[in-house]
C-alpha atoms as a PDB file:
ATOM      1  CA  MET A   1       3.075  53.047  40.825  1.00  0.00           C
ATOM      2  CA  LYS A   2      -0.310  53.979  42.343  1.00  0.00           C
ATOM      3  CA  LEU A   3      -1.911  51.151  44.355  1.00  0.00           C
ATOM      4  CA  ARG A   4      -4.699  50.764  42.310  1.00  0.00           C
ATOM      5  CA  GLU A   5      -2.664  49.962  39.405  1.00  0.00           C
ATOM      6  CA  SER A   6      -0.399  47.322  41.283  1.00  0.00           C
ATOM      7  CA  LEU A   7      -3.684  45.808  42.645  1.00  0.00           C
ATOM      8  CA  LYS A   8      -4.797  45.252  38.925  1.00  0.00           C
ATOM      9  CA  ILE A   9      -1.360  44.375  37.371  1.00  0.00           C
ATOM     10  CA  HIS A  10      -1.347  41.473  40.604  1.00  0.00           C
ATOM     11  CA  ALA A  11      -5.095  40.602  40.036  1.00  0.00           C
ATOM     12  CA  ASP A  12      -4.271  40.089  36.448  1.00  0.00           C
ATOM     13  CA  MET A  13      -1.617  37.763  36.927  1.00  0.00           C
ATOM     14  CA  MET A  14      -3.263  35.552  39.273  1.00  0.00           C
ATOM     15  CA  ARG A  15      -6.290  35.748  36.747  1.00  0.00           C
ATOM     16  CA  GLN A  16      -3.829  34.108  33.790  1.00  0.00           C
ATOM     17  CA  ALA A  17      -2.137  31.822  36.403  1.00  0.00           C
ATOM     18  CA  LYS A  18      -5.640  30.449  37.620  1.00  0.00           C
ATOM     19  CA  ASN A  19      -7.322  30.637  33.781  1.00  0.00           C
ATOM     20  CA  ILE A  20      -9.857  32.763  35.244  1.00  0.00           C
ATOM     21  CA  PRO A  21     -11.628  35.014  32.336  1.00  0.00           C
ATOM     22  CA  GLU A  22     -11.614  38.874  32.610  1.00  0.00           C
ATOM     23  CA  GLY A  23     -14.832  39.806  34.026  1.00  0.00           C
ATOM     24  CA  ALA A  24     -15.776  36.290  35.723  1.00  0.00           C
ATOM     25  CA  LEU A  25     -17.886  36.734  38.788  1.00  0.00           C
ATOM     26  CA  VAL A  26     -15.409  34.871  40.804  1.00  0.00           C
ATOM     27  CA  ALA A  27     -12.300  36.596  42.073  1.00  0.00           C
ATOM     28  CA  SER A  28      -9.172  35.257  41.199  1.00  0.00           C
ATOM     29  CA  SER A  29      -7.890  36.756  44.263  1.00  0.00           C
ATOM     30  CA  VAL A  30      -7.741  38.991  47.315  1.00  0.00           C
ATOM     31  CA  PHE A  31      -6.131  41.562  44.686  1.00  0.00           C
ATOM     32  CA  ASP A  32      -8.577  41.077  42.159  1.00  0.00           C
ATOM     33  CA  PHE A  33     -11.381  41.423  44.713  1.00  0.00           C
ATOM     34  CA  VAL A  34     -10.220  44.564  46.215  1.00  0.00           C
ATOM     35  CA  HIS A  35      -9.531  46.123  42.789  1.00  0.00           C
ATOM     36  CA  ARG A  36     -13.138  45.892  42.061  1.00  0.00           C
ATOM     37  CA  LEU A  37     -14.869  46.784  45.150  1.00  0.00           C
ATOM     38  CA  GLY A  38     -12.551  48.773  47.096  1.00  0.00           C
ATOM     39  CA  ARG A  39     -12.532  52.582  47.451  1.00  0.00           C
ATOM     40  CA  ASP A  40      -9.504  54.811  47.597  1.00  0.00           C
ATOM     41  CA  TYR A  41      -9.487  56.415  50.971  1.00  0.00           C
ATOM     42  CA  ALA A  42      -7.679  60.155  50.528  1.00  0.00           C
ATOM     43  CA  SER A  43      -5.714  62.091  53.557  1.00  0.00           C
ATOM     44  CA  ALA A  44      -8.144  64.225  55.505  1.00  0.00           C
ATOM     45  CA  PRO A  45      -7.984  65.265  59.329  1.00  0.00           C
ATOM     46  CA  LEU A  46     -10.121  64.228  61.958  1.00  0.00           C
ATOM     47  CA  THR A  47     -12.266  66.820  63.613  1.00  0.00           C
ATOM     48  CA  LYS A  48     -11.823  67.847  67.072  1.00  0.00           C
ATOM     49  CA  GLU A  49     -15.640  65.873  67.714  1.00  0.00           C
ATOM     50  CA  GLU A  50     -13.807  62.583  66.088  1.00  0.00           C
ATOM     51  CA  TYR A  51     -10.578  62.859  67.619  1.00  0.00           C
ATOM     52  CA  ALA A  52     -11.968  63.219  71.300  1.00  0.00           C
ATOM     53  CA  TYR A  53     -14.402  60.134  70.091  1.00  0.00           C
ATOM     54  CA  LEU A  54     -11.171  58.060  69.065  1.00  0.00           C
ATOM     55  CA  CYS A  55      -9.469  58.581  72.442  1.00  0.00           C
ATOM     56  CA  PHE A  56     -12.614  57.633  74.443  1.00  0.00           C
ATOM     57  CA  ALA A  57     -12.918  54.288  72.400  1.00  0.00           C
ATOM     58  CA  VAL A  58      -8.981  53.858  72.432  1.00  0.00           C
ATOM     59  CA  ASP A  59      -9.518  54.296  76.778  1.00  0.00           C
ATOM     60  CA  VAL A  60     -12.232  52.410  76.984  1.00  0.00           C
ATOM     61  CA  SER A  61     -10.698  49.258  75.299  1.00  0.00           C
ATOM     62  CA  GLY A  62      -7.534  49.282  77.065  1.00  0.00           C
ATOM     63  CA  MET A  63      -5.593  48.315  73.878  1.00  0.00           C
ATOM     64  CA  LYS A  64      -1.536  48.874  72.982  1.00  0.00           C
ATOM     65  CA  PHE A  65      -2.516  48.247  69.092  1.00  0.00           C
ATOM     66  CA  PRO A  66       0.755  45.823  68.549  1.00  0.00           C
ATOM     67  CA  ILE A  67       2.646  46.019  65.071  1.00  0.00           C
ATOM     68  CA  ARG A  68       1.306  43.331  62.748  1.00  0.00           C
ATOM     69  CA  GLN A  69      -1.722  42.691  64.430  1.00  0.00           C
ATOM     70  CA  CYS A  70      -3.818  45.143  62.102  1.00  0.00           C
ATOM     71  CA  TYR A  71      -7.002  42.581  61.738  1.00  0.00           C
ATOM     72  CA  ARG A  72      -6.991  42.424  65.447  1.00  0.00           C
ATOM     73  CA  ASN A  73      -6.371  45.734  66.673  1.00  0.00           C
ATOM     74  CA  ALA A  74      -9.329  47.260  64.316  1.00  0.00           C
ATOM     75  CA  GLN A  75     -11.419  44.322  64.914  1.00  0.00           C
ATOM     76  CA  VAL A  76     -11.573  44.206  68.572  1.00  0.00           C
ATOM     77  CA  LEU A  77     -11.615  47.988  69.310  1.00  0.00           C
ATOM     78  CA  LEU A  78     -14.219  48.140  66.964  1.00  0.00           C
ATOM     79  CA  MET A  79     -16.523  45.848  69.461  1.00  0.00           C
ATOM     80  CA  LYS A  80     -14.701  46.961  72.394  1.00  0.00           C
ATOM     81  CA  GLY A  81     -14.187  50.114  72.405  1.00  0.00           C
ATOM     82  CA  ASP A  82     -16.832  52.207  70.047  1.00  0.00           C
ATOM     83  CA  PHE A  83     -20.041  52.742  71.884  1.00  0.00           C
ATOM     84  CA  ASP A  84     -21.674  54.933  69.340  1.00  0.00           C
ATOM     85  CA  ARG A  85     -21.439  52.137  66.635  1.00  0.00           C
ATOM     86  CA  ARG A  86     -19.585  55.003  64.392  1.00  0.00           C
ATOM     87  CA  PHE A  87     -16.271  52.952  63.132  1.00  0.00           C
ATOM     88  CA  ILE A  88     -16.416  50.484  60.099  1.00  0.00           C
ATOM     89  CA  TYR A  89     -14.048  47.824  60.006  1.00  0.00           C
ATOM     90  CA  VAL A  90     -12.310  48.618  56.376  1.00  0.00           C
ATOM     91  CA  GLU A  91     -10.152  45.694  55.244  1.00  0.00           C
ATOM     92  CA  GLY A  92      -7.977  45.785  51.883  1.00  0.00           C
ATOM     93  CA  TYR A  93      -4.517  47.319  50.849  1.00  0.00           C
ATOM     94  CA  ALA A  94      -2.416  50.016  51.689  1.00  0.00           C
ATOM     95  CA  SER A  95       1.111  51.293  50.516  1.00  0.00           C
ATOM     96  CA  ARG A  96       3.634  52.857  52.923  1.00  0.00           C
ATOM     97  CA  GLU A  97       6.163  55.774  51.932  1.00  0.00           C
ATOM     98  CA  SER A  98       9.189  53.439  51.846  1.00  0.00           C
ATOM     99  CA  LEU A  99       7.187  50.680  49.303  1.00  0.00           C
ATOM    100  CA  VAL A 100       4.677  53.113  47.441  1.00  0.00           C
ATOM    101  CA  GLY A 101       2.357  51.263  45.455  1.00  0.00           C
ATOM    102  CA  PHE A 102       3.325  47.758  46.806  1.00  0.00           C
ATOM    103  CA  PRO A 103       0.328  45.948  48.129  1.00  0.00           C
ATOM    104  CA  ILE A 104       0.302  45.167  51.624  1.00  0.00           C
ATOM    105  CA  LEU A 105      -2.960  43.314  52.955  1.00  0.00           C
ATOM    106  CA  HIS A 106      -4.260  45.217  55.733  1.00  0.00           C
ATOM    107  CA  GLY A 107      -7.104  46.057  57.878  1.00  0.00           C
ATOM    108  CA  TRP A 108      -8.194  49.780  59.799  1.00  0.00           C
ATOM    109  CA  LEU A 109     -10.976  51.544  60.713  1.00  0.00           C
ATOM    110  CA  GLU A 110     -13.021  54.529  58.907  1.00  0.00           C
ATOM    111  CA  ILE A 111     -14.800  57.322  60.784  1.00  0.00           C
ATOM    112  CA  ASN A 112     -16.776  59.434  58.342  1.00  0.00           C
ATOM    113  CA  GLY A 113     -14.641  58.276  55.246  1.00  0.00           C
ATOM    114  CA  LYS A 114     -11.478  58.834  57.127  1.00  0.00           C
ATOM    115  CA  VAL A 115      -8.567  56.317  57.900  1.00  0.00           C
ATOM    116  CA  ILE A 116      -7.838  54.998  61.660  1.00  0.00           C
ATOM    117  CA  ASP A 117      -4.861  53.134  61.289  1.00  0.00           C
ATOM    118  CA  LEU A 118      -3.533  51.969  64.961  1.00  0.00           C
ATOM    119  CA  THR A 119      -0.812  49.456  63.738  1.00  0.00           C
ATOM    120  CA  MET A 120       1.228  50.949  60.953  1.00  0.00           C
ATOM    121  CA  ARG A 121       3.439  53.052  61.882  1.00  0.00           C
ATOM    122  CA  HIS A 122       4.006  56.530  60.667  1.00  0.00           C
ATOM    123  CA  PRO A 123       7.607  57.343  59.881  1.00  0.00           C
ATOM    124  CA  ARG A 124       7.157  61.059  60.643  1.00  0.00           C
ATOM    125  CA  ALA A 125       5.924  61.315  63.772  1.00  0.00           C
ATOM    126  CA  ARG A 126       3.690  64.005  65.228  1.00  0.00           C
ATOM    127  CA  ALA A 127       3.498  65.535  68.650  1.00  0.00           C
ATOM    128  CA  GLY A 128       0.567  64.307  71.025  1.00  0.00           C
ATOM    129  CA  ARG A 129      -1.155  61.414  71.224  1.00  0.00           C
ATOM    130  CA  PHE A 130      -1.062  58.834  68.309  1.00  0.00           C
ATOM    131  CA  ARG A 131       1.723  60.715  66.758  1.00  0.00           C
ATOM    132  CA  ASP A 132       3.309  57.880  64.491  1.00  0.00           C
ATOM    133  CA  ARG A 133      -0.029  56.061  63.673  1.00  0.00           C
ATOM    134  CA  VAL A 134      -2.483  57.476  60.645  1.00  0.00           C
ATOM    135  CA  ILE A 135      -5.307  59.332  62.480  1.00  0.00           C
ATOM    136  CA  GLY A 136      -7.099  60.575  59.703  1.00  0.00           C
ATOM    137  CA  GLU A 137      -4.498  62.060  57.432  1.00  0.00           C
ATOM    138  CA  TRP A 138      -0.979  61.445  56.264  1.00  0.00           C
ATOM    139  CA  LYS A 139       1.593  63.560  54.300  1.00  0.00           C
ATOM    140  CA  ASP A 140       4.035  60.435  52.760  1.00  0.00           C
ATOM    141  CA  GLY A 141       3.022  58.632  49.609  1.00  0.00           C
ATOM    142  CA  ARG A 142       0.723  55.972  51.067  1.00  0.00           C
ATOM    143  CA  GLU A 143      -2.551  54.846  49.850  1.00  0.00           C
ATOM    144  CA  TYR A 144      -5.439  52.474  51.658  1.00  0.00           C
ATOM    145  CA  ILE A 145      -8.096  50.716  49.067  1.00  0.00           C
ATOM    146  CA  GLY A 146     -10.343  48.803  50.685  1.00  0.00           C
ATOM    147  CA  VAL A 147     -13.926  46.842  51.349  1.00  0.00           C
ATOM    148  CA  ARG A 148     -16.327  47.892  54.516  1.00  0.00           C
ATOM    149  CA  PHE A 149     -17.560  45.041  56.451  1.00  0.00           C
ATOM    150  CA  ASN A 150     -20.556  44.913  58.896  1.00  0.00           C
ATOM    151  CA  ARG A 151     -20.306  44.432  62.602  1.00  0.00           C
ATOM    152  CA  SER A 152     -22.193  40.918  62.462  1.00  0.00           C
ATOM    153  CA  TYR A 153     -19.500  39.390  60.239  1.00  0.00           C
ATOM    154  CA  VAL A 154     -16.426  40.919  61.980  1.00  0.00           C
ATOM    155  CA  TYR A 155     -18.157  39.686  65.286  1.00  0.00           C
ATOM    156  CA  GLY A 156     -18.937  36.135  63.562  1.00  0.00           C
ATOM    157  CA  GLY A 157     -15.002  35.651  63.568  1.00  0.00           C
ATOM    158  CA  LEU A 158     -14.158  36.941  67.026  1.00  0.00           C
ATOM    159  CA  THR A 159     -16.767  34.676  68.494  1.00  0.00           C
ATOM    160  CA  ARG A 160     -15.209  31.728  66.963  1.00  0.00           C
ATOM    161  CA  GLY A 161     -11.364  32.910  68.435  1.00  0.00           C
ATOM    162  CA  TYR A 162     -10.687  34.411  65.049  1.00  0.00           C
ATOM    163  CA  ALA A 163      -9.139  38.002  64.544  1.00  0.00           C
ATOM    164  CA  GLY A 164      -7.520  37.777  61.334  1.00  0.00           C
ATOM    165  CA  SER A 165      -8.138  38.416  58.046  1.00  0.00           C
ATOM    166  CA  LEU A 166     -11.653  38.614  56.601  1.00  0.00           C
ATOM    167  CA  LEU A 167     -10.724  38.385  53.051  1.00  0.00           C
ATOM    168  CA  ASP A 168      -8.286  35.914  53.376  1.00  0.00           C
ATOM    169  CA  ASP A 169      -9.628  33.649  55.251  1.00  0.00           C
ATOM    170  CA  ALA A 170      -9.209  29.920  54.995  1.00  0.00           C
ATOM    171  CA  GLU A 171     -11.171  29.063  57.658  1.00  0.00           C
ATOM    172  CA  ARG A 172     -14.291  30.069  55.911  1.00  0.00           C
ATOM    173  CA  ASP A 173     -12.985  28.274  52.958  1.00  0.00           C
ATOM    174  CA  HIS A 174     -12.516  31.835  51.125  1.00  0.00           C
ATOM    175  CA  GLY A 175     -16.412  32.168  50.938  1.00  0.00           C
ATOM    176  CA  ILE A 176     -16.464  35.903  50.426  1.00  0.00           C
ATOM    177  CA  LEU A 177     -13.807  35.546  47.084  1.00  0.00           C
ATOM    178  CA  ARG A 178     -15.099  32.083  45.886  1.00  0.00           C
ATOM    179  CA  GLY A 179     -19.003  34.008  46.041  1.00  0.00           C
ATOM    180  CA  ARG A 180     -20.178  31.479  48.789  1.00  0.00           C
ATOM    181  CA  THR A 181     -20.891  33.990  51.029  1.00  0.00           C
ATOM    182  CA  SER A 182     -23.127  37.027  49.593  1.00  0.00           C
ATOM    183  CA  ARG A 183     -22.475  40.498  50.002  1.00  0.00           C
ATOM    184  CA  GLU A 184     -25.580  40.981  52.342  1.00  0.00           C
ATOM    185  CA  GLU A 185     -23.848  38.820  54.805  1.00  0.00           C
ATOM    186  CA  TRP A 186     -20.724  40.282  55.182  1.00  0.00           C
ATOM    187  CA  ALA A 187     -21.128  44.046  53.009  1.00  0.00           C
ATOM    188  CA  PHE A 188     -21.095  47.184  55.571  1.00  0.00           C
ATOM    189  CA  GLU A 189     -24.701  48.021  54.273  1.00  0.00           C
ATOM    190  CA  ARG A 190     -26.178  45.124  55.885  1.00  0.00           C
ATOM    191  CA  PRO A 191     -28.177  46.192  59.622  1.00  0.00           C
ATOM    192  CA  MET A 192     -27.898  44.512  62.558  1.00  0.00           C
ATOM    193  CA  SER A 193     -30.865  42.886  63.917  1.00  0.00           C
ATOM    194  CA  SER A 194     -32.182  43.827  67.618  1.00  0.00           C
ATOM    195  CA  VAL A 195     -31.160  39.928  68.281  1.00  0.00           C
ATOM    196  CA  GLU A 196     -27.541  40.240  66.652  1.00  0.00           C
ATOM    197  CA  ARG A 197     -27.003  43.385  68.991  1.00  0.00           C
ATOM    198  CA  GLU A 198     -28.534  42.060  72.049  1.00  0.00           C
ATOM    199  CA  MET A 199     -26.143  38.778  71.766  1.00  0.00           C
ATOM    200  CA  LEU A 200     -23.129  41.211  71.151  1.00  0.00           C
ATOM    201  CA  GLU A 201     -24.184  43.257  74.314  1.00  0.00           C
ATOM    202  CA  GLU A 202     -24.215  40.126  76.005  1.00  0.00           C
ATOM    203  CA  THR A 203     -20.858  38.522  75.063  1.00  0.00           C
ATOM    204  CA  GLY A 204     -19.367  42.144  76.199  1.00  0.00           C
ATOM    205  CA  PHE A 205     -18.223  42.249  72.587  1.00  0.00           C
ATOM    206  CA  LEU A 206     -20.350  45.509  72.211  1.00  0.00           C
ATOM    207  CA  PRO A 207     -20.392  47.753  74.963  1.00  0.00           C
ATOM    208  CA  LEU A 208     -24.189  48.862  76.008  1.00  0.00           C
ATOM    209  CA  ARG A 209     -25.005  52.331  74.150  1.00  0.00           C
ATOM    210  CA  ARG A 210     -24.651  55.124  76.499  1.00  0.00           C
ATOM    211  CA  ALA A 211     -27.412  57.431  77.872  1.00  0.00           C
END
């Protein structure tokens, strides 16, 4: 079963359990939200330049990327290593080779539409750096479907000590799912103001731009 089909099944089950009409504006679950708004990611190799930039960002961040910390790994790398603001934080569902079609709530980064997943290990390790991580391409049956967040919204969580799921966020009372948080507040399309950029740079979450 494909991941998108699985999301639809899970979303329908949750909607029926909560007695929410199909097509309602309020998302019945994270499954429902990602199924409606998430984009599919295809396997595609990074260019040499994209790979070099990723290596630079990782080196600057000093991070190790432990397993089971996907949200923190992606969010902190976005803020501490992405000097040129080329990464986008994405959250949604992924499936692994051993559990094809089974939705796993997950967070990763995107560069030019390509997946950077430094958390979930790849069973078919390759030679070189990041040999067991997903860097643009994968050859197993995994899938990624997710929604993109702007930096300001990610920053809002980090400044209050929260580096968890932004969709399944109880601390924010699930504002995105309930429709209390507008798309303009969280979606990637929202531009960062000069004031917000200065705040990020002053707190150290966003490095100063390179000359």
